[in-house]
């Protein structure tokens, strides 16, 4: 829980850094608004990690509350969430390195 709090606090700080870059240091310069600065990295990465942790926790709670009978549902939730996290990572890499073979 503290790790999620730390990640969300870090993302809030990075969002503040983006706002400073776009609206304070780049005041009057429209090219600054077209540049993603840190948001191209922090939003997909931190959001995918936080949602992965939260959904794994909910899958764990379903498993415990069902007296360990709904393991197949928990496995399905974890697999769907892991594939979504992989999709977010590929979007991140395509956004930062659009012509890379990563």
PDB file of N, CA and C in Angstrom:
ATOM      1  N   UNK A   1       0.822  -1.182   0.000  1.00  0.00           N
ATOM      2  CA  UNK A   1       0.000   0.000   0.000  1.00  0.00           C
ATOM      3  C   UNK A   1       0.873   1.255   0.000  1.00  0.00           C
ATOM      4  N   UNK A   2       1.958   1.233   0.757  1.00  0.00           N
ATOM      5  CA  UNK A   2       2.850   2.384   0.781  1.00  0.00           C
ATOM      6  C   UNK A   2       3.576   2.548  -0.555  1.00  0.00           C
ATOM      7  N   UNK A   3       3.839   1.435  -1.217  1.00  0.00           N
ATOM      8  CA  UNK A   3       4.464   1.515  -2.539  1.00  0.00           C
ATOM      9  C   UNK A   3       3.557   2.196  -3.545  1.00  0.00           C
ATOM     10  N   UNK A   4       2.266   1.874  -3.492  1.00  0.00           N
ATOM     11  CA  UNK A   4       1.303   2.521  -4.385  1.00  0.00           C
ATOM     12  C   UNK A   4       1.195   4.003  -4.063  1.00  0.00           C
ATOM     13  N   UNK A   5       1.188   4.341  -2.787  1.00  0.00           N
ATOM     14  CA  UNK A   5       1.162   5.748  -2.380  1.00  0.00           C
ATOM     15  C   UNK A   5       2.395   6.481  -2.899  1.00  0.00           C
ATOM     16  N   UNK A   6       3.559   5.846  -2.793  1.00  0.00           N
ATOM     17  CA  UNK A   6       4.788   6.459  -3.290  1.00  0.00           C
ATOM     18  C   UNK A   6       4.730   6.677  -4.801  1.00  0.00           C
ATOM     19  N   UNK A   7       4.243   5.663  -5.543  1.00  0.00           N
ATOM     20  CA  UNK A   7       4.156   5.802  -7.001  1.00  0.00           C
ATOM     21  C   UNK A   7       3.183   6.900  -7.407  1.00  0.00           C
ATOM     22  N   UNK A   8       2.049   6.975  -6.742  1.00  0.00           N
ATOM     23  CA  UNK A   8       1.078   8.020  -7.070  1.00  0.00           C
ATOM     24  C   UNK A   8       1.615   9.404  -6.700  1.00  0.00           C
ATOM     25  N   UNK A   9       2.354   9.497  -5.615  1.00  0.00           N
ATOM     26  CA  UNK A   9       2.966  10.775  -5.239  1.00  0.00           C
ATOM     27  C   UNK A   9       4.032  11.178  -6.255  1.00  0.00           C
ATOM     28  N   UNK A  10       4.812  10.209  -6.708  1.00  0.00           N
ATOM     29  CA  UNK A  10       5.826  10.499  -7.729  1.00  0.00           C
ATOM     30  C   UNK A  10       5.165  10.949  -9.028  1.00  0.00           C
ATOM     31  N   UNK A  11       4.062  10.317  -9.399  1.00  0.00           N
ATOM     32  CA  UNK A  11       3.378  10.720 -10.625  1.00  0.00           C
ATOM     33  C   UNK A  11       2.787  12.120 -10.488  1.00  0.00           C
ATOM     34  N   UNK A  12       2.272  12.458  -9.326  1.00  0.00           N
ATOM     35  CA  UNK A  12       1.760  13.809  -9.111  1.00  0.00           C
ATOM     36  C   UNK A  12       2.880  14.836  -9.253  1.00  0.00           C
ATOM     37  N   UNK A  13       4.049  14.512  -8.712  1.00  0.00           N
ATOM     38  CA  UNK A  13       5.198  15.410  -8.862  1.00  0.00           C
ATOM     39  C   UNK A  13       5.624  15.550 -10.309  1.00  0.00           C
ATOM     40  N   UNK A  14       5.637  14.444 -11.053  1.00  0.00           N
ATOM     41  CA  UNK A  14       6.003  14.506 -12.471  1.00  0.00           C
ATOM     42  C   UNK A  14       4.962  15.269 -13.286  1.00  0.00           C
ATOM     43  N   UNK A  15       3.688  15.158 -12.904  1.00  0.00           N
ATOM     44  CA  UNK A  15       2.664  15.954 -13.575  1.00  0.00           C
ATOM     45  C   UNK A  15       2.865  17.439 -13.310  1.00  0.00           C
ATOM     46  N   UNK A  16       3.258  17.775 -12.080  1.00  0.00           N
ATOM     47  CA  UNK A  16       3.579  19.169 -11.768  1.00  0.00           C
ATOM     48  C   UNK A  16       4.775  19.661 -12.570  1.00  0.00           C
ATOM     49  N   UNK A  17       5.751  18.787 -12.774  1.00  0.00           N
ATOM     50  CA  UNK A  17       6.907  19.131 -13.597  1.00  0.00           C
ATOM     51  C   UNK A  17       6.490  19.391 -15.041  1.00  0.00           C
ATOM     52  N   UNK A  18       5.587  18.558 -15.544  1.00  0.00           N
ATOM     53  CA  UNK A  18       5.055  18.779 -16.898  1.00  0.00           C
ATOM     54  C   UNK A  18       4.331  20.112 -16.996  1.00  0.00           C
ATOM     55  N   UNK A  19       3.506  20.413 -16.003  1.00  0.00           N
ATOM     56  CA  UNK A  19       2.774  21.686 -16.022  1.00  0.00           C
ATOM     57  C   UNK A  19       3.727  22.875 -15.999  1.00  0.00           C
ATOM     58  N   UNK A  20       4.784  22.762 -15.202  1.00  0.00           N
ATOM     59  CA  UNK A  20       5.777  23.845 -15.159  1.00  0.00           C
ATOM     60  C   UNK A  20       6.451  23.999 -16.518  1.00  0.00           C
ATOM     61  N   UNK A  21       6.790  22.892 -17.141  1.00  0.00           N
ATOM     62  CA  UNK A  21       7.451  22.929 -18.446  1.00  0.00           C
ATOM     63  C   UNK A  21       6.540  23.546 -19.508  1.00  0.00           C
ATOM     64  N   UNK A  22       5.267  23.134 -19.512  1.00  0.00           N
ATOM     65  CA  UNK A  22       4.360  23.603 -20.557  1.00  0.00           C
ATOM     66  C   UNK A  22       3.912  25.043 -20.364  1.00  0.00           C
ATOM     67  N   UNK A  23       3.534  25.403 -19.139  1.00  0.00           N
ATOM     68  CA  UNK A  23       2.849  26.681 -18.937  1.00  0.00           C
ATOM     69  C   UNK A  23       3.680  27.776 -18.285  1.00  0.00           C
ATOM     70  N   UNK A  24       4.772  27.419 -17.632  1.00  0.00           N
ATOM     71  CA  UNK A  24       5.572  28.463 -16.985  1.00  0.00           C
ATOM     72  C   UNK A  24       6.846  28.731 -17.772  1.00  0.00           C
ATOM     73  N   UNK A  25       7.667  27.707 -17.986  1.00  0.00           N
ATOM     74  CA  UNK A  25       8.915  27.943 -18.710  1.00  0.00           C
ATOM     75  C   UNK A  25       8.668  28.128 -20.204  1.00  0.00           C
ATOM     76  N   UNK A  26       7.561  27.598 -20.709  1.00  0.00           N
ATOM     77  CA  UNK A  26       7.266  27.732 -22.130  1.00  0.00           C
ATOM     78  C   UNK A  26       6.134  28.700 -22.412  1.00  0.00           C
ATOM     79  N   UNK A  27       5.963  29.679 -21.554  1.00  0.00           N
ATOM     80  CA  UNK A  27       4.863  30.621 -21.726  1.00  0.00           C
ATOM     81  C   UNK A  27       4.982  31.348 -23.065  1.00  0.00           C
ATOM     82  N   UNK A  28       3.951  31.244 -23.862  1.00  0.00           N
ATOM     83  CA  UNK A  28       3.933  31.905 -25.157  1.00  0.00           C
ATOM     84  C   UNK A  28       4.553  31.091 -26.280  1.00  0.00           C
ATOM     85  N   UNK A  29       5.187  29.985 -25.972  1.00  0.00           N
ATOM     86  CA  UNK A  29       5.821  29.144 -26.976  1.00  0.00           C
ATOM     87  C   UNK A  29       4.936  27.912 -27.210  1.00  0.00           C
ATOM     88  N   UNK A  30       4.275  27.862 -28.346  1.00  0.00           N
ATOM     89  CA  UNK A  30       3.357  26.764 -28.623  1.00  0.00           C
ATOM     90  C   UNK A  30       4.074  25.444 -28.891  1.00  0.00           C
ATOM     91  N   UNK A  31       5.368  25.484 -29.194  1.00  0.00           N
ATOM     92  CA  UNK A  31       6.115  24.246 -29.390  1.00  0.00           C
ATOM     93  C   UNK A  31       6.252  23.446 -28.094  1.00  0.00           C
ATOM     94  N   UNK A  32       6.225  24.137 -26.965  1.00  0.00           N
ATOM     95  CA  UNK A  32       6.280  23.443 -25.683  1.00  0.00           C
ATOM     96  C   UNK A  32       5.037  22.586 -25.461  1.00  0.00           C
ATOM     97  N   UNK A  33       3.900  23.036 -25.946  1.00  0.00           N
ATOM     98  CA  UNK A  33       2.661  22.272 -25.752  1.00  0.00           C
ATOM     99  C   UNK A  33       2.658  20.990 -26.570  1.00  0.00           C
ATOM    100  N   UNK A  34       3.382  20.961 -27.668  1.00  0.00           N
ATOM    101  CA  UNK A  34       3.442  19.758 -28.509  1.00  0.00           C
ATOM    102  C   UNK A  34       4.420  18.725 -27.956  1.00  0.00           C
ATOM    103  N   UNK A  35       5.316  19.140 -27.089  1.00  0.00           N
ATOM    104  CA  UNK A  35       6.303  18.229 -26.511  1.00  0.00           C
ATOM    105  C   UNK A  35       5.729  17.558 -25.263  1.00  0.00           C
ATOM    106  N   UNK A  36       5.787  16.220 -25.173  1.00  0.00           N
ATOM    107  CA  UNK A  36       5.214  15.550 -24.003  1.00  0.00           C
ATOM    108  C   UNK A  36       6.076  15.659 -22.747  1.00  0.00           C
ATOM    109  N   UNK A  37       7.342  16.035 -22.880  1.00  0.00           N
ATOM    110  CA  UNK A  37       8.296  16.158 -21.779  1.00  0.00           C
ATOM    111  C   UNK A  37       8.324  14.872 -20.963  1.00  0.00           C
ATOM    112  N   UNK A  38       7.851  14.843 -19.729  1.00  0.00           N
ATOM    113  CA  UNK A  38       7.929  13.630 -18.899  1.00  0.00           C
ATOM    114  C   UNK A  38       6.658  12.792 -18.962  1.00  0.00           C
ATOM    115  N   UNK A  39       5.567  13.341 -19.467  1.00  0.00           N
ATOM    116  CA  UNK A  39       4.298  12.600 -19.430  1.00  0.00           C
ATOM    117  C   UNK A  39       4.290  11.394 -20.363  1.00  0.00           C
ATOM    118  N   UNK A  40       5.127  11.378 -21.373  1.00  0.00           N
ATOM    119  CA  UNK A  40       5.189  10.216 -22.262  1.00  0.00           C
ATOM    120  C   UNK A  40       5.759   9.009 -21.535  1.00  0.00           C
ATOM    121  N   UNK A  41       6.519   9.245 -20.487  1.00  0.00           N
ATOM    122  CA  UNK A  41       7.090   8.145 -19.717  1.00  0.00           C
ATOM    123  C   UNK A  41       6.284   7.841 -18.460  1.00  0.00           C
ATOM    124  N   UNK A  42       5.956   8.864 -17.689  1.00  0.00           N
ATOM    125  CA  UNK A  42       5.386   8.596 -16.367  1.00  0.00           C
ATOM    126  C   UNK A  42       3.957   8.079 -16.404  1.00  0.00           C
ATOM    127  N   UNK A  43       3.135   8.569 -17.292  1.00  0.00           N
ATOM    128  CA  UNK A  43       1.729   8.149 -17.290  1.00  0.00           C
ATOM    129  C   UNK A  43       1.568   6.678 -17.661  1.00  0.00           C
ATOM    130  N   UNK A  44       2.107   6.187 -18.791  1.00  0.00           N
ATOM    131  CA  UNK A  44       1.900   4.771 -19.087  1.00  0.00           C
ATOM    132  C   UNK A  44       2.598   3.836 -18.100  1.00  0.00           C
ATOM    133  N   UNK A  45       3.778   4.201 -17.668  1.00  0.00           N
ATOM    134  CA  UNK A  45       4.540   3.321 -16.787  1.00  0.00           C
ATOM    135  C   UNK A  45       3.928   3.229 -15.394  1.00  0.00           C
ATOM    136  N   UNK A  46       3.734   4.364 -14.760  1.00  0.00           N
ATOM    137  CA  UNK A  46       3.241   4.354 -13.391  1.00  0.00           C
ATOM    138  C   UNK A  46       1.798   3.864 -13.336  1.00  0.00           C
ATOM    139  N   UNK A  47       0.967   4.293 -14.276  1.00  0.00           N
ATOM    140  CA  UNK A  47      -0.426   3.839 -14.269  1.00  0.00           C
ATOM    141  C   UNK A  47      -0.538   2.339 -14.475  1.00  0.00           C
ATOM    142  N   UNK A  48       0.288   1.776 -15.362  1.00  0.00           N
ATOM    143  CA  UNK A  48       0.210   0.329 -15.570  1.00  0.00           C
ATOM    144  C   UNK A  48       0.693  -0.439 -14.348  1.00  0.00           C
ATOM    145  N   UNK A  49       1.709   0.057 -13.663  1.00  0.00           N
ATOM    146  CA  UNK A  49       2.203  -0.615 -12.460  1.00  0.00           C
ATOM    147  C   UNK A  49       1.168  -0.550 -11.339  1.00  0.00           C
ATOM    148  N   UNK A  50       0.592   0.624 -11.123  1.00  0.00           N
ATOM    149  CA  UNK A  50      -0.392   0.783 -10.046  1.00  0.00           C
ATOM    150  C   UNK A  50      -1.634  -0.052 -10.321  1.00  0.00           C
ATOM    151  N   UNK A  51      -2.132  -0.021 -11.553  1.00  0.00           N
ATOM    152  CA  UNK A  51      -3.332  -0.811 -11.843  1.00  0.00           C
ATOM    153  C   UNK A  51      -3.042  -2.304 -11.784  1.00  0.00           C
ATOM    154  N   UNK A  52      -1.833  -2.716 -12.142  1.00  0.00           N
ATOM    155  CA  UNK A  52      -1.451  -4.119 -12.027  1.00  0.00           C
ATOM    156  C   UNK A  52      -1.466  -4.570 -10.568  1.00  0.00           C
ATOM    157  N   UNK A  53      -0.898  -3.772  -9.695  1.00  0.00           N
ATOM    158  CA  UNK A  53      -0.857  -4.110  -8.266  1.00  0.00           C
ATOM    159  C   UNK A  53      -2.273  -4.152  -7.688  1.00  0.00           C
ATOM    160  N   UNK A  54      -3.097  -3.175  -8.021  1.00  0.00           N
ATOM    161  CA  UNK A  54      -4.450  -3.117  -7.472  1.00  0.00           C
ATOM    162  C   UNK A  54      -5.294  -4.295  -7.961  1.00  0.00           C
ATOM    163  N   UNK A  55      -5.209  -4.614  -9.228  1.00  0.00           N
ATOM    164  CA  UNK A  55      -6.027  -5.709  -9.739  1.00  0.00           C
ATOM    165  C   UNK A  55      -5.525  -7.068  -9.258  1.00  0.00           C
ATOM    166  N   UNK A  56      -4.228  -7.229  -9.069  1.00  0.00           N
ATOM    167  CA  UNK A  56      -3.732  -8.470  -8.469  1.00  0.00           C
ATOM    168  C   UNK A  56      -4.215  -8.601  -7.020  1.00  0.00           C
ATOM    169  N   UNK A  57      -4.265  -7.472  -6.317  1.00  0.00           N
ATOM    170  CA  UNK A  57      -4.779  -7.498  -4.949  1.00  0.00           C
ATOM    171  C   UNK A  57      -6.249  -7.910  -4.932  1.00  0.00           C
ATOM    172  N   UNK A  58      -7.049  -7.359  -5.854  1.00  0.00           N
ATOM    173  CA  UNK A  58      -8.460  -7.738  -5.901  1.00  0.00           C
ATOM    174  C   UNK A  58      -8.634  -9.198  -6.293  1.00  0.00           C
ATOM    175  N   UNK A  59      -7.798  -9.696  -7.180  1.00  0.00           N
ATOM    176  CA  UNK A  59      -7.853 -11.116  -7.534  1.00  0.00           C
ATOM    177  C   UNK A  59      -7.502 -11.978  -6.311  1.00  0.00           C
ATOM    178  N   UNK A  60      -6.539 -11.534  -5.529  1.00  0.00           N
ATOM    179  CA  UNK A  60      -6.186 -12.242  -4.300  1.00  0.00           C
ATOM    180  C   UNK A  60      -7.350 -12.251  -3.315  1.00  0.00           C
ATOM    181  N   UNK A  61      -8.023 -11.108  -3.187  1.00  0.00           N
ATOM    182  CA  UNK A  61      -9.167 -11.035  -2.277  1.00  0.00           C
ATOM    183  C   UNK A  61     -10.310 -11.942  -2.743  1.00  0.00           C
ATOM    184  N   UNK A  62     -10.556 -12.005  -4.047  1.00  0.00           N
ATOM    185  CA  UNK A  62     -11.578 -12.908  -4.568  1.00  0.00           C
ATOM    186  C   UNK A  62     -11.203 -14.345  -4.242  1.00  0.00           C
ATOM    187  N   UNK A  63      -9.948 -14.685  -4.394  1.00  0.00           N
ATOM    188  CA  UNK A  63      -9.478 -16.041  -4.109  1.00  0.00           C
ATOM    189  C   UNK A  63      -9.676 -16.390  -2.637  1.00  0.00           C
ATOM    190  N   UNK A  64      -9.344 -15.461  -1.746  1.00  0.00           N
ATOM    191  CA  UNK A  64      -9.483 -15.707  -0.310  1.00  0.00           C
ATOM    192  C   UNK A  64     -10.960 -15.769   0.080  1.00  0.00           C
ATOM    193  N   UNK A  65     -11.776 -14.833  -0.396  1.00  0.00           N
ATOM    194  CA  UNK A  65     -13.186 -14.799   0.004  1.00  0.00           C
ATOM    195  C   UNK A  65     -13.995 -15.953  -0.574  1.00  0.00           C
ATOM    196  N   UNK A  66     -13.530 -16.542  -1.667  1.00  0.00           N
ATOM    197  CA  UNK A  66     -14.237 -17.682  -2.236  1.00  0.00           C
ATOM    198  C   UNK A  66     -13.730 -18.992  -1.644  1.00  0.00           C
ATOM    199  N   UNK A  67     -13.020 -18.904  -0.547  1.00  0.00           N
ATOM    200  CA  UNK A  67     -12.380 -20.050   0.122  1.00  0.00           C
ATOM    201  C   UNK A  67     -11.555 -20.881  -0.858  1.00  0.00           C
ATOM    202  N   UNK A  68     -10.852 -20.199  -1.709  1.00  0.00           N
ATOM    203  CA  UNK A  68      -9.889 -20.760  -2.658  1.00  0.00           C
ATOM    204  C   UNK A  68     -10.525 -21.696  -3.690  1.00  0.00           C
ATOM    205  N   UNK A  69     -11.829 -21.465  -3.981  1.00  0.00           N
ATOM    206  CA  UNK A  69     -12.516 -22.283  -4.972  1.00  0.00           C
ATOM    207  C   UNK A  69     -12.547 -21.617  -6.345  1.00  0.00           C
ATOM    208  N   UNK A  70     -12.413 -20.300  -6.394  1.00  0.00           N
ATOM    209  CA  UNK A  70     -12.508 -19.575  -7.662  1.00  0.00           C
ATOM    210  C   UNK A  70     -11.116 -19.238  -8.193  1.00  0.00           C
ATOM    211  N   UNK A  71     -10.215 -20.196  -8.132  1.00  0.00           N
ATOM    212  CA  UNK A  71      -8.843 -19.948  -8.594  1.00  0.00           C
ATOM    213  C   UNK A  71      -8.819 -19.652 -10.084  1.00  0.00           C
ATOM    214  N   UNK A  72      -9.723 -20.236 -10.846  1.00  0.00           N
ATOM    215  CA  UNK A  72      -9.763 -20.025 -12.295  1.00  0.00           C
ATOM    216  C   UNK A  72     -10.144 -18.587 -12.623  1.00  0.00           C
ATOM    217  N   UNK A  73     -11.056 -18.006 -11.831  1.00  0.00           N
ATOM    218  CA  UNK A  73     -11.436 -16.608 -12.047  1.00  0.00           C
ATOM    219  C   UNK A  73     -10.269 -15.682 -11.726  1.00  0.00           C
ATOM    220  N   UNK A  74      -9.563 -15.970 -10.661  1.00  0.00           N
ATOM    221  CA  UNK A  74      -8.400 -15.162 -10.277  1.00  0.00           C
ATOM    222  C   UNK A  74      -7.306 -15.259 -11.338  1.00  0.00           C
ATOM    223  N   UNK A  75      -7.105 -16.447 -11.854  1.00  0.00           N
ATOM    224  CA  UNK A  75      -6.117 -16.637 -12.915  1.00  0.00           C
ATOM    225  C   UNK A  75      -6.509 -15.858 -14.164  1.00  0.00           C
ATOM    226  N   UNK A  76      -7.779 -15.870 -14.510  1.00  0.00           N
ATOM    227  CA  UNK A  76      -8.264 -15.118 -15.666  1.00  0.00           C
ATOM    228  C   UNK A  76      -8.053 -13.617 -15.475  1.00  0.00           C
ATOM    229  N   UNK A  77      -8.372 -13.117 -14.294  1.00  0.00           N
ATOM    230  CA  UNK A  77      -8.181 -11.691 -13.999  1.00  0.00           C
ATOM    231  C   UNK A  77      -6.699 -11.328 -14.123  1.00  0.00           C
ATOM    232  N   UNK A  78      -5.826 -12.149 -13.566  1.00  0.00           N
ATOM    233  CA  UNK A  78      -4.384 -11.865 -13.617  1.00  0.00           C
ATOM    234  C   UNK A  78      -3.843 -11.930 -15.037  1.00  0.00           C
ATOM    235  N   UNK A  79      -4.308 -12.885 -15.830  1.00  0.00           N
ATOM    236  CA  UNK A  79      -3.841 -12.983 -17.219  1.00  0.00           C
ATOM    237  C   UNK A  79      -4.304 -11.804 -18.067  1.00  0.00           C
ATOM    238  N   UNK A  80      -5.552 -11.400 -17.898  1.00  0.00           N
ATOM    239  CA  UNK A  80      -6.058 -10.245 -18.656  1.00  0.00           C
ATOM    240  C   UNK A  80      -5.303  -8.989 -18.258  1.00  0.00           C
ATOM    241  N   UNK A  81      -5.066  -8.820 -16.971  1.00  0.00           N
ATOM    242  CA  UNK A  81      -4.357  -7.630 -16.503  1.00  0.00           C
ATOM    243  C   UNK A  81      -2.895  -7.628 -16.958  1.00  0.00           C
ATOM    244  N   UNK A  82      -2.258  -8.780 -16.947  1.00  0.00           N
ATOM    245  CA  UNK A  82      -0.867  -8.853 -17.394  1.00  0.00           C
ATOM    246  C   UNK A  82      -0.759  -8.546 -18.878  1.00  0.00           C
ATOM    247  N   UNK A  83      -1.730  -8.983 -19.665  1.00  0.00           N
ATOM    248  CA  UNK A  83      -1.688  -8.668 -21.095  1.00  0.00           C
ATOM    249  C   UNK A  83      -1.918  -7.184 -21.322  1.00  0.00           C
ATOM    250  N   UNK A  84      -2.763  -6.555 -20.523  1.00  0.00           N
ATOM    251  CA  UNK A  84      -2.970  -5.109 -20.646  1.00  0.00           C
ATOM    252  C   UNK A  84      -1.713  -4.345 -20.246  1.00  0.00           C
ATOM    253  N   UNK A  85      -1.001  -4.838 -19.253  1.00  0.00           N
ATOM    254  CA  UNK A  85       0.251  -4.204 -18.848  1.00  0.00           C
ATOM    255  C   UNK A  85       1.302  -4.323 -19.943  1.00  0.00           C
ATOM    256  N   UNK A  86       1.327  -5.467 -20.611  1.00  0.00           N
ATOM    257  CA  UNK A  86       2.249  -5.642 -21.730  1.00  0.00           C
ATOM    258  C   UNK A  86       1.898  -4.709 -22.879  1.00  0.00           C
ATOM    259  N   UNK A  87       0.614  -4.513 -23.123  1.00  0.00           N
ATOM    260  CA  UNK A  87       0.187  -3.587 -24.177  1.00  0.00           C
ATOM    261  C   UNK A  87       0.587  -2.153 -23.838  1.00  0.00           C
ATOM    262  N   UNK A  88       0.478  -1.778 -22.573  1.00  0.00           N
ATOM    263  CA  UNK A  88       0.886  -0.429 -22.165  1.00  0.00           C
ATOM    264  C   UNK A  88       2.388  -0.246 -22.342  1.00  0.00           C
ATOM    265  N   UNK A  89       3.163  -1.293 -22.054  1.00  0.00           N
ATOM    266  CA  UNK A  89       4.616  -1.205 -22.224  1.00  0.00           C
ATOM    267  C   UNK A  89       4.971  -1.060 -23.698  1.00  0.00           C
ATOM    268  N   UNK A  90       4.274  -1.789 -24.565  1.00  0.00           N
ATOM    269  CA  UNK A  90       4.575  -1.665 -25.994  1.00  0.00           C
ATOM    270  C   UNK A  90       4.178  -0.288 -26.517  1.00  0.00           C
ATOM    271  N   UNK A  91       3.093   0.284 -25.993  1.00  0.00           N
ATOM    272  CA  UNK A  91       2.721   1.640 -26.387  1.00  0.00           C
ATOM    273  C   UNK A  91       3.779   2.631 -25.923  1.00  0.00           C
ATOM    274  N   UNK A  92       4.300   2.419 -24.731  1.00  0.00           N
ATOM    275  CA  UNK A  92       5.349   3.295 -24.216  1.00  0.00           C
ATOM    276  C   UNK A  92       6.575   3.238 -25.107  1.00  0.00           C
ATOM    277  N   UNK A  93       7.005   2.034 -25.455  1.00  0.00           N
ATOM    278  CA  UNK A  93       8.203   1.902 -26.283  1.00  0.00           C
ATOM    279  C   UNK A  93       7.970   2.448 -27.689  1.00  0.00           C
ATOM    280  N   UNK A  94       6.787   2.266 -28.226  1.00  0.00           N
ATOM    281  CA  UNK A  94       6.496   2.826 -29.546  1.00  0.00           C
ATOM    282  C   UNK A  94       6.394   4.337 -29.509  1.00  0.00           C
ATOM    283  N   UNK A  95       5.992   4.887 -28.356  1.00  0.00           N
ATOM    284  CA  UNK A  95       5.905   6.339 -28.229  1.00  0.00           C
ATOM    285  C   UNK A  95       7.274   6.993 -28.079  1.00  0.00           C
ATOM    286  N   UNK A  96       8.166   6.359 -27.329  1.00  0.00           N
ATOM    287  CA  UNK A  96       9.486   6.934 -27.099  1.00  0.00           C
ATOM    288  C   UNK A  96      10.442   6.600 -28.244  1.00  0.00           C
ATOM    289  N   UNK A  97      10.417   5.348 -28.678  1.00  0.00           N
ATOM    290  CA  UNK A  97      11.296   4.892 -29.753  1.00  0.00           C
ATOM    291  C   UNK A  97      10.431   4.398 -30.927  1.00  0.00           C
ATOM    292  N   UNK A  98       9.852   5.299 -31.705  1.00  0.00           N
ATOM    293  CA  UNK A  98       8.875   4.856 -32.699  1.00  0.00           C
ATOM    294  C   UNK A  98       9.445   3.972 -33.794  1.00  0.00           C
ATOM    295  N   UNK A  99      10.703   4.090 -34.110  1.00  0.00           N
ATOM    296  CA  UNK A  99      11.276   3.286 -35.205  1.00  0.00           C
ATOM    297  C   UNK A  99      12.301   2.295 -34.691  1.00  0.00           C
ATOM    298  N   UNK A 100      12.215   1.966 -33.427  1.00  0.00           N
ATOM    299  CA  UNK A 100      13.149   1.028 -32.823  1.00  0.00           C
ATOM    300  C   UNK A 100      12.632  -0.394 -32.948  1.00  0.00           C
ATOM    301  N   UNK A 101      13.512  -1.353 -32.792  1.00  0.00           N
ATOM    302  CA  UNK A 101      13.110  -2.759 -32.858  1.00  0.00           C
ATOM    303  C   UNK A 101      12.927  -3.346 -31.471  1.00  0.00           C
ATOM    304  N   UNK A 102      12.726  -2.511 -30.450  1.00  0.00           N
ATOM    305  CA  UNK A 102      12.551  -3.005 -29.094  1.00  0.00           C
ATOM    306  C   UNK A 102      11.265  -3.702 -28.991  1.00  0.00           C
TER     307      UNK A 102
END
